[in-house]
Amino acid sequence: MGGFEYKQVIIFRKDLKLSKGKIAAQAGHAAVSAAIEARKYHRSWFDSWLLEGQRKIAVKIKNEKELLKFKEFAVDLGLPTSLIIDRGLTEIPEGTITCLGIGPAPAEKIDRLTRELKLL
């Protein structure tokens, strides 16, 4: 199997100290929501990513302020995004921004933004 040309990245705030289950749920929200954005506005990216096996990478940043900067940069690069805001039903208060889904999109476009981030 060759390399992947498309991927999706989910960026988590490490300051929230979420449980593994909560991280999994939030990752699901981010992956699905960002993929819907890609399908709507970048159908060829979505279709190619789907055919390649839906590559996803989870990374971390310090806090909400940093996360919002990454959202802004991703939008400036024309990448599909989805900011996940929790409803407050379990571990954290309502309205807490937990993560950001970026892509699916060409890997080189996403890498311009996220290549220096550490894996979750």
N, C-alpha and C. Protein backbone atom coordinates (compact mmCIF):
# COMPACT_ATOMS: atom_id res chain seq x y z
N MET A 1 0.85 -1.19 0.00
CA MET A 1 0.00 0.00 0.00
C MET A 1 0.88 1.24 0.00
N GLY A 2 0.61 2.15 -0.90
CA GLY A 2 1.38 3.37 -1.03
C GLY A 2 1.03 4.39 0.04
N GLY A 3 1.61 5.58 -0.08
CA GLY A 3 1.34 6.65 0.86
C GLY A 3 -0.05 7.23 0.67
N PHE A 4 -0.43 8.01 1.63
CA PHE A 4 -1.72 8.66 1.59
C PHE A 4 -1.56 10.07 1.03
N GLU A 5 -2.46 10.46 0.15
CA GLU A 5 -2.44 11.82 -0.37
C GLU A 5 -3.40 12.73 0.39
N TYR A 6 -4.34 12.15 1.11
CA TYR A 6 -5.36 12.91 1.83
C TYR A 6 -5.40 12.45 3.28
N LYS A 7 -5.77 13.36 4.16
CA LYS A 7 -5.91 12.99 5.56
C LYS A 7 -6.80 13.98 6.29
N GLN A 8 -7.11 13.60 7.50
CA GLN A 8 -7.88 14.44 8.41
C GLN A 8 -7.07 14.52 9.70
N VAL A 9 -7.06 15.69 10.31
CA VAL A 9 -6.37 15.88 11.58
C VAL A 9 -7.37 16.40 12.60
N ILE A 10 -7.29 15.84 13.80
CA ILE A 10 -8.13 16.31 14.91
C ILE A 10 -7.19 16.83 15.99
N ILE A 11 -7.38 18.09 16.33
CA ILE A 11 -6.53 18.76 17.31
C ILE A 11 -7.29 18.89 18.63
N PHE A 12 -6.68 18.35 19.69
CA PHE A 12 -7.29 18.38 21.03
C PHE A 12 -6.56 19.35 21.95
N ARG A 13 -7.34 19.93 22.85
CA ARG A 13 -6.77 20.76 23.92
C ARG A 13 -6.27 19.83 25.02
N LYS A 14 -4.99 19.92 25.37
CA LYS A 14 -4.47 19.05 26.43
C LYS A 14 -4.76 19.61 27.82
N ASP A 15 -5.14 20.88 27.92
CA ASP A 15 -5.44 21.45 29.23
C ASP A 15 -6.75 20.94 29.83
N LEU A 16 -7.58 20.29 29.05
CA LEU A 16 -8.88 19.83 29.56
C LEU A 16 -8.80 18.52 30.35
N LYS A 17 -7.77 17.72 30.13
CA LYS A 17 -7.59 16.45 30.84
C LYS A 17 -8.84 15.56 30.73
N LEU A 18 -9.28 15.34 29.50
CA LEU A 18 -10.48 14.53 29.24
C LEU A 18 -10.17 13.05 29.41
N SER A 19 -11.20 12.28 29.79
CA SER A 19 -11.05 10.82 29.88
C SER A 19 -10.91 10.25 28.46
N LYS A 20 -10.44 9.02 28.37
CA LYS A 20 -10.29 8.38 27.06
C LYS A 20 -11.63 8.26 26.35
N GLY A 21 -12.67 7.95 27.09
CA GLY A 21 -14.00 7.85 26.47
C GLY A 21 -14.49 9.17 25.92
N LYS A 22 -14.26 10.23 26.67
CA LYS A 22 -14.68 11.57 26.23
C LYS A 22 -13.87 11.99 24.99
N ILE A 23 -12.58 11.69 24.98
CA ILE A 23 -11.75 11.99 23.81
C ILE A 23 -12.28 11.24 22.59
N ALA A 24 -12.62 9.97 22.77
CA ALA A 24 -13.13 9.18 21.65
C ALA A 24 -14.43 9.77 21.11
N ALA A 25 -15.32 10.17 22.00
CA ALA A 25 -16.59 10.76 21.57
C ALA A 25 -16.37 12.08 20.83
N GLN A 26 -15.51 12.92 21.39
CA GLN A 26 -15.25 14.21 20.75
C GLN A 26 -14.54 14.04 19.41
N ALA A 27 -13.64 13.06 19.33
CA ALA A 27 -12.97 12.76 18.05
C ALA A 27 -13.99 12.34 17.01
N GLY A 28 -14.96 11.54 17.42
CA GLY A 28 -16.02 11.13 16.49
C GLY A 28 -16.80 12.32 15.98
N HIS A 29 -17.16 13.22 16.87
CA HIS A 29 -17.89 14.42 16.45
C HIS A 29 -17.06 15.24 15.46
N ALA A 30 -15.79 15.43 15.76
CA ALA A 30 -14.92 16.24 14.90
C ALA A 30 -14.71 15.58 13.54
N ALA A 31 -14.48 14.26 13.55
CA ALA A 31 -14.23 13.54 12.29
C ALA A 31 -15.45 13.61 11.37
N VAL A 32 -16.61 13.32 11.91
CA VAL A 32 -17.82 13.31 11.10
C VAL A 32 -18.17 14.72 10.62
N SER A 33 -18.14 15.68 11.52
CA SER A 33 -18.54 17.04 11.17
C SER A 33 -17.60 17.67 10.13
N ALA A 34 -16.29 17.48 10.30
CA ALA A 34 -15.35 18.03 9.32
C ALA A 34 -15.48 17.31 7.98
N ALA A 35 -15.71 15.99 8.02
CA ALA A 35 -15.90 15.24 6.77
C ALA A 35 -17.14 15.73 6.02
N ILE A 36 -18.19 16.05 6.73
CA ILE A 36 -19.40 16.59 6.09
C ILE A 36 -19.08 17.92 5.41
N GLU A 37 -18.29 18.76 6.07
CA GLU A 37 -17.88 20.03 5.45
C GLU A 37 -17.07 19.78 4.18
N ALA A 38 -16.15 18.83 4.25
CA ALA A 38 -15.34 18.51 3.07
C ALA A 38 -16.21 17.98 1.94
N ARG A 39 -17.14 17.11 2.28
CA ARG A 39 -18.02 16.53 1.25
C ARG A 39 -18.85 17.62 0.58
N LYS A 40 -19.27 18.60 1.36
CA LYS A 40 -20.10 19.67 0.83
C LYS A 40 -19.32 20.63 -0.07
N TYR A 41 -18.10 20.99 0.33
CA TYR A 41 -17.36 22.04 -0.36
C TYR A 41 -16.15 21.57 -1.16
N HIS A 42 -15.68 20.36 -0.89
CA HIS A 42 -14.50 19.80 -1.57
C HIS A 42 -14.75 18.33 -1.86
N ARG A 43 -15.72 18.06 -2.68
CA ARG A 43 -16.16 16.67 -2.90
C ARG A 43 -15.04 15.75 -3.38
N SER A 44 -14.16 16.22 -4.23
CA SER A 44 -13.08 15.35 -4.73
C SER A 44 -12.12 14.99 -3.60
N TRP A 45 -11.84 15.91 -2.67
CA TRP A 45 -10.99 15.60 -1.52
C TRP A 45 -11.65 14.51 -0.68
N PHE A 46 -12.93 14.71 -0.40
CA PHE A 46 -13.67 13.74 0.42
C PHE A 46 -13.66 12.36 -0.23
N ASP A 47 -14.00 12.30 -1.51
CA ASP A 47 -14.06 11.01 -2.21
C ASP A 47 -12.71 10.31 -2.23
N SER A 48 -11.64 11.05 -2.49
CA SER A 48 -10.30 10.46 -2.52
C SER A 48 -9.89 9.95 -1.14
N TRP A 49 -10.16 10.73 -0.11
CA TRP A 49 -9.86 10.34 1.28
C TRP A 49 -10.62 9.08 1.65
N LEU A 50 -11.87 9.01 1.27
CA LEU A 50 -12.69 7.84 1.55
C LEU A 50 -12.11 6.59 0.89
N LEU A 51 -11.72 6.71 -0.35
CA LEU A 51 -11.15 5.57 -1.08
C LEU A 51 -9.80 5.13 -0.53
N GLU A 52 -9.02 6.07 0.00
CA GLU A 52 -7.70 5.75 0.55
C GLU A 52 -7.77 5.06 1.91
N GLY A 53 -8.90 5.10 2.57
CA GLY A 53 -9.01 4.47 3.89
C GLY A 53 -9.25 5.42 5.04
N GLN A 54 -9.55 6.68 4.74
CA GLN A 54 -9.95 7.66 5.75
C GLN A 54 -8.90 7.92 6.82
N ARG A 55 -7.69 8.19 6.41
CA ARG A 55 -6.59 8.45 7.35
C ARG A 55 -6.94 9.60 8.28
N LYS A 56 -6.71 9.37 9.59
CA LYS A 56 -6.95 10.38 10.62
C LYS A 56 -5.76 10.42 11.56
N ILE A 57 -5.40 11.61 11.99
CA ILE A 57 -4.30 11.82 12.93
C ILE A 57 -4.84 12.67 14.07
N ALA A 58 -4.55 12.28 15.32
CA ALA A 58 -4.95 13.06 16.49
C ALA A 58 -3.71 13.69 17.11
N VAL A 59 -3.77 15.01 17.30
CA VAL A 59 -2.65 15.77 17.86
C VAL A 59 -3.16 16.66 18.99
N LYS A 60 -2.22 17.31 19.67
CA LYS A 60 -2.62 18.13 20.82
C LYS A 60 -1.96 19.51 20.78
N ILE A 61 -2.65 20.44 21.41
CA ILE A 61 -2.13 21.79 21.61
C ILE A 61 -2.40 22.18 23.07
N LYS A 62 -1.88 23.33 23.48
CA LYS A 62 -1.95 23.72 24.89
C LYS A 62 -3.35 24.06 25.39
N ASN A 63 -4.07 24.92 24.65
CA ASN A 63 -5.29 25.48 25.23
C ASN A 63 -6.25 25.99 24.14
N GLU A 64 -7.35 26.55 24.60
CA GLU A 64 -8.38 27.05 23.68
C GLU A 64 -7.87 28.17 22.78
N LYS A 65 -7.10 29.07 23.33
CA LYS A 65 -6.58 30.19 22.53
C LYS A 65 -5.77 29.67 21.34
N GLU A 66 -4.91 28.69 21.58
CA GLU A 66 -4.11 28.10 20.50
C GLU A 66 -5.00 27.38 19.49
N LEU A 67 -6.00 26.67 20.00
CA LEU A 67 -6.92 25.94 19.13
C LEU A 67 -7.65 26.89 18.17
N LEU A 68 -8.09 28.01 18.69
CA LEU A 68 -8.80 28.98 17.86
C LEU A 68 -7.88 29.60 16.80
N LYS A 69 -6.59 29.75 17.13
CA LYS A 69 -5.63 30.23 16.13
C LYS A 69 -5.51 29.21 14.99
N PHE A 70 -5.45 27.93 15.34
CA PHE A 70 -5.36 26.89 14.31
C PHE A 70 -6.61 26.88 13.43
N LYS A 71 -7.76 27.11 14.02
CA LYS A 71 -9.00 27.19 13.23
C LYS A 71 -8.89 28.32 12.22
N GLU A 72 -8.46 29.47 12.68
CA GLU A 72 -8.32 30.64 11.80
C GLU A 72 -7.34 30.36 10.66
N PHE A 73 -6.20 29.78 10.99
CA PHE A 73 -5.20 29.45 9.97
C PHE A 73 -5.75 28.44 8.96
N ALA A 74 -6.47 27.43 9.46
CA ALA A 74 -7.05 26.40 8.57
C ALA A 74 -8.05 27.03 7.60
N VAL A 75 -8.88 27.90 8.10
CA VAL A 75 -9.86 28.59 7.25
C VAL A 75 -9.13 29.43 6.20
N ASP A 76 -8.07 30.13 6.62
CA ASP A 76 -7.29 30.94 5.68
C ASP A 76 -6.67 30.09 4.57
N LEU A 77 -6.34 28.83 4.87
CA LEU A 77 -5.78 27.92 3.86
C LEU A 77 -6.87 27.25 3.02
N GLY A 78 -8.13 27.55 3.31
CA GLY A 78 -9.23 26.96 2.55
C GLY A 78 -9.54 25.52 2.92
N LEU A 79 -9.18 25.13 4.15
CA LEU A 79 -9.42 23.76 4.60
C LEU A 79 -10.77 23.63 5.28
N PRO A 80 -11.46 22.50 5.08
CA PRO A 80 -12.71 22.28 5.80
C PRO A 80 -12.41 22.06 7.29
N THR A 81 -13.22 22.67 8.14
CA THR A 81 -13.00 22.57 9.59
C THR A 81 -14.31 22.35 10.32
N SER A 82 -14.17 21.86 11.54
CA SER A 82 -15.31 21.75 12.44
C SER A 82 -14.81 21.92 13.87
N LEU A 83 -15.25 22.97 14.51
CA LEU A 83 -14.92 23.25 15.91
C LEU A 83 -15.97 22.56 16.78
N ILE A 84 -15.53 21.74 17.72
CA ILE A 84 -16.47 20.98 18.55
C ILE A 84 -16.65 21.67 19.90
N ILE A 85 -17.92 21.97 20.19
CA ILE A 85 -18.30 22.65 21.43
C ILE A 85 -19.20 21.71 22.21
N ASP A 86 -18.79 21.36 23.41
CA ASP A 86 -19.49 20.34 24.21
C ASP A 86 -20.82 20.86 24.77
N ARG A 87 -21.76 19.93 24.90
CA ARG A 87 -23.08 20.27 25.44
C ARG A 87 -23.11 20.23 26.97
N GLY A 88 -22.05 19.76 27.59
CA GLY A 88 -21.97 19.80 29.05
C GLY A 88 -22.75 18.71 29.76
N LEU A 89 -22.97 17.59 29.11
CA LEU A 89 -23.77 16.52 29.71
C LEU A 89 -22.96 15.56 30.58
N THR A 90 -21.64 15.60 30.49
CA THR A 90 -20.84 14.64 31.25
C THR A 90 -19.71 15.31 32.03
N GLU A 91 -18.54 15.42 31.46
CA GLU A 91 -17.32 15.78 32.21
C GLU A 91 -16.99 17.26 32.28
N ILE A 92 -17.44 18.03 31.35
CA ILE A 92 -17.01 19.43 31.26
C ILE A 92 -18.23 20.35 31.12
N PRO A 93 -18.07 21.62 31.42
CA PRO A 93 -19.20 22.55 31.33
C PRO A 93 -19.70 22.75 29.90
N GLU A 94 -20.97 23.03 29.78
CA GLU A 94 -21.57 23.35 28.49
C GLU A 94 -20.83 24.53 27.86
N GLY A 95 -20.61 24.42 26.56
CA GLY A 95 -19.95 25.49 25.84
C GLY A 95 -18.44 25.37 25.76
N THR A 96 -17.87 24.33 26.38
CA THR A 96 -16.43 24.14 26.33
C THR A 96 -16.01 23.68 24.94
N ILE A 97 -15.05 24.37 24.35
CA ILE A 97 -14.49 23.97 23.06
C ILE A 97 -13.46 22.88 23.34
N THR A 98 -13.67 21.69 22.76
CA THR A 98 -12.81 20.55 23.06
C THR A 98 -11.77 20.27 21.99
N CYS A 99 -12.16 20.36 20.73
CA CYS A 99 -11.24 19.98 19.66
C CYS A 99 -11.66 20.61 18.34
N LEU A 100 -10.78 20.42 17.36
CA LEU A 100 -10.99 20.96 16.02
C LEU A 100 -10.68 19.87 15.02
N GLY A 101 -11.63 19.59 14.13
CA GLY A 101 -11.39 18.68 13.03
C GLY A 101 -10.99 19.49 11.80
N ILE A 102 -9.95 19.04 11.11
CA ILE A 102 -9.49 19.69 9.88
C ILE A 102 -9.42 18.62 8.79
N GLY A 103 -10.06 18.89 7.67
CA GLY A 103 -10.03 17.94 6.55
C GLY A 103 -11.18 16.97 6.64
N PRO A 104 -11.21 16.05 5.72
CA PRO A 104 -10.14 15.60 4.84
C PRO A 104 -9.78 16.63 3.77
N ALA A 105 -8.46 16.61 3.49
CA ALA A 105 -7.89 17.53 2.51
C ALA A 105 -6.54 16.96 2.07
N PRO A 106 -5.95 17.54 1.04
CA PRO A 106 -4.62 17.08 0.65
C PRO A 106 -3.66 17.16 1.83
N ALA A 107 -2.91 16.09 2.04
CA ALA A 107 -2.01 16.01 3.20
C ALA A 107 -1.02 17.17 3.23
N GLU A 108 -0.49 17.57 2.08
CA GLU A 108 0.50 18.65 2.10
C GLU A 108 -0.11 19.98 2.57
N LYS A 109 -1.39 20.21 2.29
CA LYS A 109 -2.05 21.44 2.77
C LYS A 109 -2.21 21.40 4.29
N ILE A 110 -2.66 20.27 4.80
CA ILE A 110 -2.84 20.14 6.25
C ILE A 110 -1.49 20.18 6.97
N ASP A 111 -0.48 19.54 6.38
CA ASP A 111 0.84 19.51 7.00
C ASP A 111 1.45 20.89 7.17
N ARG A 112 1.14 21.81 6.28
CA ARG A 112 1.64 23.19 6.43
C ARG A 112 1.24 23.77 7.79
N LEU A 113 0.09 23.34 8.26
CA LEU A 113 -0.47 23.87 9.49
C LEU A 113 -0.12 23.01 10.72
N THR A 114 -0.12 21.70 10.57
CA THR A 114 -0.09 20.83 11.75
C THR A 114 1.18 19.99 11.93
N ARG A 115 2.11 20.06 11.00
CA ARG A 115 3.27 19.14 11.05
C ARG A 115 4.08 19.22 12.33
N GLU A 116 4.10 20.36 13.00
CA GLU A 116 4.91 20.51 14.22
C GLU A 116 4.18 20.06 15.49
N LEU A 117 2.91 19.73 15.39
CA LEU A 117 2.15 19.35 16.58
C LEU A 117 2.49 17.93 17.01
N LYS A 118 2.46 17.68 18.30
CA LYS A 118 2.74 16.36 18.87
C LYS A 118 1.48 15.48 18.81
N LEU A 119 1.71 14.18 18.61
CA LEU A 119 0.59 13.25 18.62
C LEU A 119 -0.07 13.22 19.98
N LEU A 120 -1.36 12.97 20.00
CA LEU A 120 -2.14 12.92 21.23
C LEU A 120 -1.72 11.73 22.07
